[in-house]
Amino acid sequence: MVSLNGGTRCGICLAMAEENKQSEVPPQVQPGVAESYSGGSGSKKEWPEVVGFTPEEAEMKIRADMPMVQIQVVPPNHFVTMDYNLRRVRLFLDSDGKVARPPRIG
């Protein structure tokens, strides 16, 4: 047994912990995962052509390309979470209520 920070650990446990550290792989999006949500590798990921549209017009255009998407309308100067969601497209609006920047998946 080996004493570590006031506790005891067996040599096998320490060796296993070291092996796990060396084999850790950072999480990545697997190939094909985004395509399965968005409808295929040829599907759009961004809609720059809807800048200046009303939210309703933009939603109709985006849903024509990606029917299962969740549309989230974001008023000017509002905060959003930083999580990435393959089934979400956010519409950031300007002070006139029009789409201010190209909506994209995420």
PDB file of N, CA and C in Angstrom:
ATOM      1  N   MET A   1       0.828  -1.191   0.000  1.00  0.00           N
ATOM      2  CA  MET A   1       0.000   0.000   0.000  1.00  0.00           C
ATOM      3  C   MET A   1       0.867   1.247   0.000  1.00  0.00           C
ATOM      4  N   VAL A   2       0.375   2.264  -0.682  1.00  0.00           N
ATOM      5  CA  VAL A   2       1.093   3.523  -0.780  1.00  0.00           C
ATOM      6  C   VAL A   2       0.218   4.605  -0.159  1.00  0.00           C
ATOM      7  N   SER A   3       0.812   5.462   0.654  1.00  0.00           N
ATOM      8  CA  SER A   3       0.070   6.549   1.265  1.00  0.00           C
ATOM      9  C   SER A   3       0.067   7.730   0.304  1.00  0.00           C
ATOM     10  N   LEU A   4      -1.128   8.270   0.053  1.00  0.00           N
ATOM     11  CA  LEU A   4      -1.261   9.378  -0.887  1.00  0.00           C
ATOM     12  C   LEU A   4      -2.201  10.405  -0.288  1.00  0.00           C
ATOM     13  N   ASN A   5      -1.688  11.582   0.054  1.00  0.00           N
ATOM     14  CA  ASN A   5      -2.488  12.658   0.644  1.00  0.00           C
ATOM     15  C   ASN A   5      -3.274  12.200   1.864  1.00  0.00           C
ATOM     16  N   GLY A   6      -2.627  11.452   2.712  1.00  0.00           N
ATOM     17  CA  GLY A   6      -3.280  11.046   3.952  1.00  0.00           C
ATOM     18  C   GLY A   6      -4.117   9.779   3.812  1.00  0.00           C
ATOM     19  N   GLY A   7      -4.368   9.291   2.606  1.00  0.00           N
ATOM     20  CA  GLY A   7      -5.133   8.067   2.388  1.00  0.00           C
ATOM     21  C   GLY A   7      -4.202   6.990   1.876  1.00  0.00           C
ATOM     22  N   THR A   8      -4.674   5.785   1.834  1.00  0.00           N
ATOM     23  CA  THR A   8      -3.832   4.716   1.317  1.00  0.00           C
ATOM     24  C   THR A   8      -4.426   4.184   0.027  1.00  0.00           C
ATOM     25  N   ARG A   9      -3.555   3.868  -0.897  1.00  0.00           N
ATOM     26  CA  ARG A   9      -3.967   3.329  -2.190  1.00  0.00           C
ATOM     27  C   ARG A   9      -3.057   2.148  -2.508  1.00  0.00           C
ATOM     28  N   CYS A  10      -3.593   1.139  -3.093  1.00  0.00           N
ATOM     29  CA  CYS A  10      -2.760   0.010  -3.486  1.00  0.00           C
ATOM     30  C   CYS A  10      -2.040   0.337  -4.784  1.00  0.00           C
ATOM     31  N   GLY A  11      -0.952  -0.333  -5.040  1.00  0.00           N
ATOM     32  CA  GLY A  11      -0.157  -0.101  -6.234  1.00  0.00           C
ATOM     33  C   GLY A  11      -0.944  -0.363  -7.514  1.00  0.00           C
ATOM     34  N   ILE A  12      -1.838  -1.334  -7.485  1.00  0.00           N
ATOM     35  CA  ILE A  12      -2.647  -1.658  -8.667  1.00  0.00           C
ATOM     36  C   ILE A  12      -3.575  -0.492  -8.993  1.00  0.00           C
ATOM     37  N   CYS A  13      -4.190   0.099  -7.967  1.00  0.00           N
ATOM     38  CA  CYS A  13      -5.096   1.230  -8.185  1.00  0.00           C
ATOM     39  C   CYS A  13      -4.350   2.404  -8.792  1.00  0.00           C
ATOM     40  N   LEU A  14      -3.136   2.678  -8.296  1.00  0.00           N
ATOM     41  CA  LEU A  14      -2.351   3.780  -8.829  1.00  0.00           C
ATOM     42  C   LEU A  14      -1.970   3.523 -10.283  1.00  0.00           C
ATOM     43  N   ALA A  15      -1.605   2.287 -10.599  1.00  0.00           N
ATOM     44  CA  ALA A  15      -1.238   1.945 -11.971  1.00  0.00           C
ATOM     45  C   ALA A  15      -2.441   2.088 -12.899  1.00  0.00           C
ATOM     46  N   MET A  16      -3.616   1.667 -12.438  1.00  0.00           N
ATOM     47  CA  MET A  16      -4.824   1.783 -13.254  1.00  0.00           C
ATOM     48  C   MET A  16      -5.188   3.250 -13.473  1.00  0.00           C
ATOM     49  N   ALA A  17      -5.040   4.068 -12.429  1.00  0.00           N
ATOM     50  CA  ALA A  17      -5.349   5.492 -12.554  1.00  0.00           C
ATOM     51  C   ALA A  17      -4.411   6.154 -13.554  1.00  0.00           C
ATOM     52  N   GLU A  18      -3.133   5.803 -13.503  1.00  0.00           N
ATOM     53  CA  GLU A  18      -2.164   6.368 -14.446  1.00  0.00           C
ATOM     54  C   GLU A  18      -2.474   5.919 -15.875  1.00  0.00           C
ATOM     55  N   GLU A  19      -2.851   4.671 -16.042  1.00  0.00           N
ATOM     56  CA  GLU A  19      -3.206   4.156 -17.370  1.00  0.00           C
ATOM     57  C   GLU A  19      -4.433   4.884 -17.920  1.00  0.00           C
ATOM     58  N   ASN A  20      -5.420   5.155 -17.063  1.00  0.00           N
ATOM     59  CA  ASN A  20      -6.617   5.874 -17.493  1.00  0.00           C
ATOM     60  C   ASN A  20      -6.283   7.297 -17.936  1.00  0.00           C
ATOM     61  N   LYS A  21      -5.376   7.958 -17.226  1.00  0.00           N
ATOM     62  CA  LYS A  21      -4.979   9.318 -17.600  1.00  0.00           C
ATOM     63  C   LYS A  21      -4.373   9.333 -18.998  1.00  0.00           C
ATOM     64  N   GLN A  22      -3.537   8.326 -19.278  1.00  0.00           N
ATOM     65  CA  GLN A  22      -2.855   8.280 -20.563  1.00  0.00           C
ATOM     66  C   GLN A  22      -3.815   7.951 -21.705  1.00  0.00           C
ATOM     67  N   SER A  23      -4.894   7.247 -21.415  1.00  0.00           N
ATOM     68  CA  SER A  23      -5.800   6.830 -22.484  1.00  0.00           C
ATOM     69  C   SER A  23      -7.000   7.750 -22.660  1.00  0.00           C
ATOM     70  N   GLU A  24      -7.070   8.826 -21.866  1.00  0.00           N
ATOM     71  CA  GLU A  24      -8.193   9.740 -21.995  1.00  0.00           C
ATOM     72  C   GLU A  24      -8.138  10.453 -23.336  1.00  0.00           C
ATOM     73  N   VAL A  25      -9.269  10.499 -24.010  1.00  0.00           N
ATOM     74  CA  VAL A  25      -9.384  11.162 -25.302  1.00  0.00           C
ATOM     75  C   VAL A  25     -10.375  12.295 -25.148  1.00  0.00           C
ATOM     76  N   PRO A  26     -10.028  13.503 -25.593  1.00  0.00           N
ATOM     77  CA  PRO A  26     -10.982  14.608 -25.462  1.00  0.00           C
ATOM     78  C   PRO A  26     -12.250  14.312 -26.249  1.00  0.00           C
ATOM     79  N   PRO A  27     -13.420  14.731 -25.727  1.00  0.00           N
ATOM     80  CA  PRO A  27     -14.668  14.467 -26.435  1.00  0.00           C
ATOM     81  C   PRO A  27     -14.694  15.198 -27.769  1.00  0.00           C
ATOM     82  N   GLN A  28     -15.206  14.523 -28.779  1.00  0.00           N
ATOM     83  CA  GLN A  28     -15.320  15.096 -30.108  1.00  0.00           C
ATOM     84  C   GLN A  28     -16.658  14.704 -30.687  1.00  0.00           C
ATOM     85  N   VAL A  29     -17.103  15.478 -31.634  1.00  0.00           N
ATOM     86  CA  VAL A  29     -18.319  15.105 -32.343  1.00  0.00           C
ATOM     87  C   VAL A  29     -17.928  14.031 -33.336  1.00  0.00           C
ATOM     88  N   GLN A  30     -18.595  12.905 -33.272  1.00  0.00           N
ATOM     89  CA  GLN A  30     -18.279  11.807 -34.169  1.00  0.00           C
ATOM     90  C   GLN A  30     -18.736  12.137 -35.579  1.00  0.00           C
ATOM     91  N   PRO A  31     -17.969  11.693 -36.567  1.00  0.00           N
ATOM     92  CA  PRO A  31     -18.390  11.937 -37.946  1.00  0.00           C
ATOM     93  C   PRO A  31     -19.780  11.357 -38.190  1.00  0.00           C
ATOM     94  N   GLY A  32     -20.608  12.134 -38.848  1.00  0.00           N
ATOM     95  CA  GLY A  32     -21.948  11.654 -39.172  1.00  0.00           C
ATOM     96  C   GLY A  32     -23.005  12.042 -38.165  1.00  0.00           C
ATOM     97  N   VAL A  33     -22.614  12.457 -36.952  1.00  0.00           N
ATOM     98  CA  VAL A  33     -23.603  12.798 -35.935  1.00  0.00           C
ATOM     99  C   VAL A  33     -24.365  14.053 -36.322  1.00  0.00           C
ATOM    100  N   ALA A  34     -23.650  15.097 -36.723  1.00  0.00           N
ATOM    101  CA  ALA A  34     -24.321  16.340 -37.121  1.00  0.00           C
ATOM    102  C   ALA A  34     -25.215  16.098 -38.329  1.00  0.00           C
ATOM    103  N   GLU A  35     -24.735  15.279 -39.260  1.00  0.00           N
ATOM    104  CA  GLU A  35     -25.519  15.019 -40.455  1.00  0.00           C
ATOM    105  C   GLU A  35     -26.811  14.279 -40.124  1.00  0.00           C
ATOM    106  N   SER A  36     -26.767  13.391 -39.123  1.00  0.00           N
ATOM    107  CA  SER A  36     -27.981  12.642 -38.794  1.00  0.00           C
ATOM    108  C   SER A  36     -29.054  13.557 -38.210  1.00  0.00           C
ATOM    109  N   TYR A  37     -28.652  14.635 -37.532  1.00  0.00           N
ATOM    110  CA  TYR A  37     -29.624  15.574 -36.992  1.00  0.00           C
ATOM    111  C   TYR A  37     -30.117  16.539 -38.067  1.00  0.00           C
ATOM    112  N   SER A  38     -29.213  16.941 -38.930  1.00  0.00           N
ATOM    113  CA  SER A  38     -29.565  17.991 -39.877  1.00  0.00           C
ATOM    114  C   SER A  38     -30.112  17.474 -41.195  1.00  0.00           C
ATOM    115  N   GLY A  39     -30.110  16.159 -41.388  1.00  0.00           N
ATOM    116  CA  GLY A  39     -30.745  15.610 -42.573  1.00  0.00           C
ATOM    117  C   GLY A  39     -29.800  15.170 -43.663  1.00  0.00           C
ATOM    118  N   GLY A  40     -28.500  15.126 -43.404  1.00  0.00           N
ATOM    119  CA  GLY A  40     -27.561  14.651 -44.406  1.00  0.00           C
ATOM    120  C   GLY A  40     -26.382  15.578 -44.561  1.00  0.00           C
ATOM    121  N   SER A  41     -25.328  15.063 -45.159  1.00  0.00           N
ATOM    122  CA  SER A  41     -24.107  15.851 -45.275  1.00  0.00           C
ATOM    123  C   SER A  41     -24.278  17.048 -46.202  1.00  0.00           C
ATOM    124  N   GLY A  42     -25.291  17.013 -47.084  1.00  0.00           N
ATOM    125  CA  GLY A  42     -25.523  18.125 -47.979  1.00  0.00           C
ATOM    126  C   GLY A  42     -26.399  19.213 -47.382  1.00  0.00           C
ATOM    127  N   SER A  43     -26.883  19.018 -46.169  1.00  0.00           N
ATOM    128  CA  SER A  43     -27.781  19.985 -45.539  1.00  0.00           C
ATOM    129  C   SER A  43     -27.048  21.260 -45.169  1.00  0.00           C
ATOM    130  N   LYS A  44     -27.804  22.334 -45.146  1.00  0.00           N
ATOM    131  CA  LYS A  44     -27.241  23.628 -44.782  1.00  0.00           C
ATOM    132  C   LYS A  44     -26.953  23.687 -43.296  1.00  0.00           C
ATOM    133  N   LYS A  45     -25.977  24.487 -42.950  1.00  0.00           N
ATOM    134  CA  LYS A  45     -25.613  24.700 -41.553  1.00  0.00           C
ATOM    135  C   LYS A  45     -25.778  26.170 -41.174  1.00  0.00           C
ATOM    136  N   GLU A  46     -25.957  27.039 -42.181  1.00  0.00           N
ATOM    137  CA  GLU A  46     -26.079  28.484 -41.962  1.00  0.00           C
ATOM    138  C   GLU A  46     -26.974  29.071 -43.060  1.00  0.00           C
ATOM    139  N   TRP A  47     -27.701  30.143 -42.718  1.00  0.00           N
ATOM    140  CA  TRP A  47     -28.649  30.767 -43.647  1.00  0.00           C
ATOM    141  C   TRP A  47     -28.402  32.273 -43.762  1.00  0.00           C
ATOM    142  N   PRO A  48     -27.348  32.700 -44.445  1.00  0.00           N
ATOM    143  CA  PRO A  48     -27.067  34.137 -44.565  1.00  0.00           C
ATOM    144  C   PRO A  48     -28.119  34.875 -45.378  1.00  0.00           C
ATOM    145  N   GLU A  49     -28.847  34.159 -46.216  1.00  0.00           N
ATOM    146  CA  GLU A  49     -29.840  34.812 -47.075  1.00  0.00           C
ATOM    147  C   GLU A  49     -31.051  35.342 -46.310  1.00  0.00           C
ATOM    148  N   VAL A  50     -31.227  34.952 -45.033  1.00  0.00           N
ATOM    149  CA  VAL A  50     -32.403  35.418 -44.281  1.00  0.00           C
ATOM    150  C   VAL A  50     -32.128  36.665 -43.443  1.00  0.00           C
ATOM    151  N   VAL A  51     -30.912  37.192 -43.498  1.00  0.00           N
ATOM    152  CA  VAL A  51     -30.614  38.435 -42.784  1.00  0.00           C
ATOM    153  C   VAL A  51     -31.513  39.530 -43.355  1.00  0.00           C
ATOM    154  N   GLY A  52     -32.220  40.224 -42.476  1.00  0.00           N
ATOM    155  CA  GLY A  52     -33.167  41.263 -42.889  1.00  0.00           C
ATOM    156  C   GLY A  52     -34.603  40.768 -42.960  1.00  0.00           C
ATOM    157  N   PHE A  53     -34.814  39.449 -42.881  1.00  0.00           N
ATOM    158  CA  PHE A  53     -36.165  38.876 -42.880  1.00  0.00           C
ATOM    159  C   PHE A  53     -36.809  39.054 -41.511  1.00  0.00           C
ATOM    160  N   THR A  54     -38.132  38.952 -41.457  1.00  0.00           N
ATOM    161  CA  THR A  54     -38.823  38.867 -40.172  1.00  0.00           C
ATOM    162  C   THR A  54     -38.560  37.474 -39.610  1.00  0.00           C
ATOM    163  N   PRO A  55     -38.734  37.272 -38.303  1.00  0.00           N
ATOM    164  CA  PRO A  55     -38.525  35.938 -37.734  1.00  0.00           C
ATOM    165  C   PRO A  55     -39.409  34.872 -38.395  1.00  0.00           C
ATOM    166  N   GLU A  56     -40.628  35.239 -38.727  1.00  0.00           N
ATOM    167  CA  GLU A  56     -41.551  34.283 -39.346  1.00  0.00           C
ATOM    168  C   GLU A  56     -41.063  33.866 -40.741  1.00  0.00           C
ATOM    169  N   GLU A  57     -40.610  34.837 -41.530  1.00  0.00           N
ATOM    170  CA  GLU A  57     -40.087  34.539 -42.866  1.00  0.00           C
ATOM    171  C   GLU A  57     -38.828  33.677 -42.780  1.00  0.00           C
ATOM    172  N   ALA A  58     -37.951  34.033 -41.852  1.00  0.00           N
ATOM    173  CA  ALA A  58     -36.709  33.278 -41.675  1.00  0.00           C
ATOM    174  C   ALA A  58     -37.006  31.846 -41.234  1.00  0.00           C
ATOM    175  N   GLU A  59     -37.959  31.697 -40.318  1.00  0.00           N
ATOM    176  CA  GLU A  59     -38.309  30.356 -39.837  1.00  0.00           C
ATOM    177  C   GLU A  59     -38.840  29.490 -40.979  1.00  0.00           C
ATOM    178  N   MET A  60     -39.679  30.045 -41.836  1.00  0.00           N
ATOM    179  CA  MET A  60     -40.218  29.273 -42.964  1.00  0.00           C
ATOM    180  C   MET A  60     -39.083  28.811 -43.881  1.00  0.00           C
ATOM    181  N   LYS A  61     -38.134  29.684 -44.182  1.00  0.00           N
ATOM    182  CA  LYS A  61     -37.015  29.333 -45.050  1.00  0.00           C
ATOM    183  C   LYS A  61     -36.145  28.260 -44.417  1.00  0.00           C
ATOM    184  N   ILE A  62     -35.825  28.420 -43.123  1.00  0.00           N
ATOM    185  CA  ILE A  62     -34.958  27.456 -42.427  1.00  0.00           C
ATOM    186  C   ILE A  62     -35.650  26.102 -42.317  1.00  0.00           C
ATOM    187  N   ARG A  63     -36.941  26.099 -41.980  1.00  0.00           N
ATOM    188  CA  ARG A  63     -37.679  24.831 -41.868  1.00  0.00           C
ATOM    189  C   ARG A  63     -37.816  24.113 -43.214  1.00  0.00           C
ATOM    190  N   ALA A  64     -37.816  24.863 -44.306  1.00  0.00           N
ATOM    191  CA  ALA A  64     -37.848  24.230 -45.628  1.00  0.00           C
ATOM    192  C   ALA A  64     -36.576  23.408 -45.842  1.00  0.00           C
ATOM    193  N   ASP A  65     -35.460  23.883 -45.303  1.00  0.00           N
ATOM    194  CA  ASP A  65     -34.186  23.176 -45.427  1.00  0.00           C
ATOM    195  C   ASP A  65     -33.974  22.135 -44.337  1.00  0.00           C
ATOM    196  N   MET A  66     -34.534  22.379 -43.159  1.00  0.00           N
ATOM    197  CA  MET A  66     -34.285  21.525 -41.992  1.00  0.00           C
ATOM    198  C   MET A  66     -35.551  21.458 -41.132  1.00  0.00           C
ATOM    199  N   PRO A  67     -36.502  20.594 -41.484  1.00  0.00           N
ATOM    200  CA  PRO A  67     -37.817  20.582 -40.839  1.00  0.00           C
ATOM    201  C   PRO A  67     -37.833  20.290 -39.331  1.00  0.00           C
ATOM    202  N   MET A  68     -36.893  19.506 -38.840  1.00  0.00           N
ATOM    203  CA  MET A  68     -36.925  19.086 -37.430  1.00  0.00           C
ATOM    204  C   MET A  68     -36.215  20.055 -36.485  1.00  0.00           C
ATOM    205  N   VAL A  69     -35.798  21.204 -36.986  1.00  0.00           N
ATOM    206  CA  VAL A  69     -35.022  22.140 -36.185  1.00  0.00           C
ATOM    207  C   VAL A  69     -35.905  22.882 -35.169  1.00  0.00           C
ATOM    208  N   GLN A  70     -35.297  23.245 -34.051  1.00  0.00           N
ATOM    209  CA  GLN A  70     -35.959  24.099 -33.056  1.00  0.00           C
ATOM    210  C   GLN A  70     -35.464  25.526 -33.309  1.00  0.00           C
ATOM    211  N   ILE A  71     -36.380  26.424 -33.576  1.00  0.00           N
ATOM    212  CA  ILE A  71     -36.027  27.830 -33.830  1.00  0.00           C
ATOM    213  C   ILE A  71     -36.150  28.600 -32.521  1.00  0.00           C
ATOM    214  N   GLN A  72     -35.127  29.367 -32.195  1.00  0.00           N
ATOM    215  CA  GLN A  72     -35.141  30.187 -30.981  1.00  0.00           C
ATOM    216  C   GLN A  72     -34.925  31.642 -31.394  1.00  0.00           C
ATOM    217  N   VAL A  73     -35.900  32.484 -31.113  1.00  0.00           N
ATOM    218  CA  VAL A  73     -35.815  33.911 -31.458  1.00  0.00           C
ATOM    219  C   VAL A  73     -35.196  34.657 -30.277  1.00  0.00           C
ATOM    220  N   VAL A  74     -34.134  35.412 -30.562  1.00  0.00           N
ATOM    221  CA  VAL A  74     -33.411  36.140 -29.521  1.00  0.00           C
ATOM    222  C   VAL A  74     -33.540  37.637 -29.785  1.00  0.00           C
ATOM    223  N   PRO A  75     -34.268  38.350 -28.912  1.00  0.00           N
ATOM    224  CA  PRO A  75     -34.408  39.810 -29.071  1.00  0.00           C
ATOM    225  C   PRO A  75     -33.054  40.509 -28.898  1.00  0.00           C
ATOM    226  N   PRO A  76     -32.962  41.765 -29.332  1.00  0.00           N
ATOM    227  CA  PRO A  76     -31.703  42.498 -29.186  1.00  0.00           C
ATOM    228  C   PRO A  76     -31.279  42.612 -27.729  1.00  0.00           C
ATOM    229  N   ASN A  77     -29.978  42.542 -27.506  1.00  0.00           N
ATOM    230  CA  ASN A  77     -29.366  42.710 -26.175  1.00  0.00           C
ATOM    231  C   ASN A  77     -29.789  41.658 -25.160  1.00  0.00           C
ATOM    232  N   HIS A  78     -30.172  40.475 -25.603  1.00  0.00           N
ATOM    233  CA  HIS A  78     -30.508  39.382 -24.687  1.00  0.00           C
ATOM    234  C   HIS A  78     -29.374  38.361 -24.669  1.00  0.00           C
ATOM    235  N   PHE A  79     -29.208  37.732 -23.521  1.00  0.00           N
ATOM    236  CA  PHE A  79     -28.181  36.719 -23.348  1.00  0.00           C
ATOM    237  C   PHE A  79     -28.705  35.358 -23.788  1.00  0.00           C
ATOM    238  N   VAL A  80     -27.788  34.499 -24.215  1.00  0.00           N
ATOM    239  CA  VAL A  80     -28.121  33.114 -24.545  1.00  0.00           C
ATOM    240  C   VAL A  80     -27.092  32.208 -23.879  1.00  0.00           C
ATOM    241  N   THR A  81     -27.446  30.947 -23.716  1.00  0.00           N
ATOM    242  CA  THR A  81     -26.504  29.990 -23.158  1.00  0.00           C
ATOM    243  C   THR A  81     -25.453  29.646 -24.204  1.00  0.00           C
ATOM    244  N   MET A  82     -24.321  29.153 -23.763  1.00  0.00           N
ATOM    245  CA  MET A  82     -23.223  28.841 -24.673  1.00  0.00           C
ATOM    246  C   MET A  82     -23.207  27.374 -25.100  1.00  0.00           C
ATOM    247  N   ASP A  83     -24.228  26.614 -24.747  1.00  0.00           N
ATOM    248  CA  ASP A  83     -24.259  25.210 -25.143  1.00  0.00           C
ATOM    249  C   ASP A  83     -24.475  25.089 -26.646  1.00  0.00           C
ATOM    250  N   TYR A  84     -24.023  23.976 -27.199  1.00  0.00           N
ATOM    251  CA  TYR A  84     -24.147  23.728 -28.628  1.00  0.00           C
ATOM    252  C   TYR A  84     -25.199  22.656 -28.836  1.00  0.00           C
ATOM    253  N   ASN A  85     -26.210  22.952 -29.646  1.00  0.00           N
ATOM    254  CA  ASN A  85     -27.318  22.032 -29.868  1.00  0.00           C
ATOM    255  C   ASN A  85     -27.502  21.857 -31.374  1.00  0.00           C
ATOM    256  N   LEU A  86     -27.299  20.654 -31.860  1.00  0.00           N
ATOM    257  CA  LEU A  86     -27.383  20.377 -33.293  1.00  0.00           C
ATOM    258  C   LEU A  86     -28.791  20.517 -33.852  1.00  0.00           C
ATOM    259  N   ARG A  87     -29.773  20.593 -32.991  1.00  0.00           N
ATOM    260  CA  ARG A  87     -31.165  20.719 -33.440  1.00  0.00           C
ATOM    261  C   ARG A  87     -31.717  22.128 -33.249  1.00  0.00           C
ATOM    262  N   ARG A  88     -30.844  23.085 -32.966  1.00  0.00           N
ATOM    263  CA  ARG A  88     -31.319  24.449 -32.697  1.00  0.00           C
ATOM    264  C   ARG A  88     -30.690  25.441 -33.666  1.00  0.00           C
ATOM    265  N   VAL A  89     -31.524  26.404 -34.077  1.00  0.00           N
ATOM    266  CA  VAL A  89     -31.057  27.560 -34.841  1.00  0.00           C
ATOM    267  C   VAL A  89     -31.601  28.792 -34.134  1.00  0.00           C
ATOM    268  N   ARG A  90     -30.710  29.703 -33.813  1.00  0.00           N
ATOM    269  CA  ARG A  90     -31.132  30.949 -33.150  1.00  0.00           C
ATOM    270  C   ARG A  90     -31.237  32.070 -34.171  1.00  0.00           C
ATOM    271  N   LEU A  91     -32.310  32.842 -34.022  1.00  0.00           N
ATOM    272  CA  LEU A  91     -32.516  34.033 -34.852  1.00  0.00           C
ATOM    273  C   LEU A  91     -32.253  35.254 -33.981  1.00  0.00           C
ATOM    274  N   PHE A  92     -31.117  35.905 -34.167  1.00  0.00           N
ATOM    275  CA  PHE A  92     -30.784  37.110 -33.414  1.00  0.00           C
ATOM    276  C   PHE A  92     -31.398  38.305 -34.137  1.00  0.00           C
ATOM    277  N   LEU A  93     -32.238  39.039 -33.429  1.00  0.00           N
ATOM    278  CA  LEU A  93     -32.962  40.154 -34.037  1.00  0.00           C
ATOM    279  C   LEU A  93     -32.297  41.492 -33.750  1.00  0.00           C
ATOM    280  N   ASP A  94     -32.526  42.443 -34.669  1.00  0.00           N
ATOM    281  CA  ASP A  94     -32.068  43.811 -34.441  1.00  0.00           C
ATOM    282  C   ASP A  94     -33.205  44.611 -33.798  1.00  0.00           C
ATOM    283  N   SER A  95     -32.993  45.901 -33.600  1.00  0.00           N
ATOM    284  CA  SER A  95     -34.002  46.731 -32.920  1.00  0.00           C
ATOM    285  C   SER A  95     -35.279  46.896 -33.745  1.00  0.00           C
ATOM    286  N   ASP A  96     -35.231  46.599 -35.050  1.00  0.00           N
ATOM    287  CA  ASP A  96     -36.422  46.665 -35.905  1.00  0.00           C
ATOM    288  C   ASP A  96     -37.180  45.341 -35.954  1.00  0.00           C
ATOM    289  N   GLY A  97     -36.679  44.331 -35.234  1.00  0.00           N
ATOM    290  CA  GLY A  97     -37.348  43.036 -35.221  1.00  0.00           C
ATOM    291  C   GLY A  97     -37.013  42.160 -36.421  1.00  0.00           C
ATOM    292  N   LYS A  98     -35.919  42.484 -37.122  1.00  0.00           N
ATOM    293  CA  LYS A  98     -35.478  41.703 -38.284  1.00  0.00           C
ATOM    294  C   LYS A  98     -34.254  40.883 -37.906  1.00  0.00           C
ATOM    295  N   VAL A  99     -33.995  39.818 -38.650  1.00  0.00           N
ATOM    296  CA  VAL A  99     -32.825  38.976 -38.391  1.00  0.00           C
ATOM    297  C   VAL A  99     -31.567  39.801 -38.638  1.00  0.00           C
ATOM    298  N   ALA A 100     -30.705  39.873 -37.608  1.00  0.00           N
ATOM    299  CA  ALA A 100     -29.538  40.759 -37.653  1.00  0.00           C
ATOM    300  C   ALA A 100     -28.280  40.083 -38.167  1.00  0.00           C
ATOM    301  N   ARG A 101     -28.139  38.775 -37.974  1.00  0.00           N
ATOM    302  CA  ARG A 101     -26.937  38.073 -38.443  1.00  0.00           C
ATOM    303  C   ARG A 101     -27.315  36.684 -38.928  1.00  0.00           C
ATOM    304  N   PRO A 102     -26.468  36.075 -39.731  1.00  0.00           N
ATOM    305  CA  PRO A 102     -26.831  34.784 -40.315  1.00  0.00           C
ATOM    306  C   PRO A 102     -27.110  33.708 -39.250  1.00  0.00           C
ATOM    307  N   PRO A 103     -28.315  33.157 -39.250  1.00  0.00           N
ATOM    308  CA  PRO A 103     -28.616  32.070 -38.317  1.00  0.00           C
ATOM    309  C   PRO A 103     -27.796  30.839 -38.685  1.00  0.00           C
ATOM    310  N   ARG A 104     -27.425  30.066 -37.675  1.00  0.00           N
ATOM    311  CA  ARG A 104     -26.673  28.837 -37.923  1.00  0.00           C
ATOM    312  C   ARG A 104     -27.035  27.777 -36.898  1.00  0.00           C
ATOM    313  N   ILE A 105     -26.740  26.551 -37.213  1.00  0.00           N
ATOM    314  CA  ILE A 105     -27.005  25.433 -36.309  1.00  0.00           C
ATOM    315  C   ILE A 105     -26.145  25.615 -35.067  1.00  0.00           C
ATOM    316  N   GLY A 106     -26.714  25.342 -33.929  1.00  0.00           N
ATOM    317  CA  GLY A 106     -25.950  25.391 -32.690  1.00  0.00           C
ATOM    318  C   GLY A 106     -26.735  25.998 -31.606  1.00  0.00           C
TER     319      GLY A 106
END
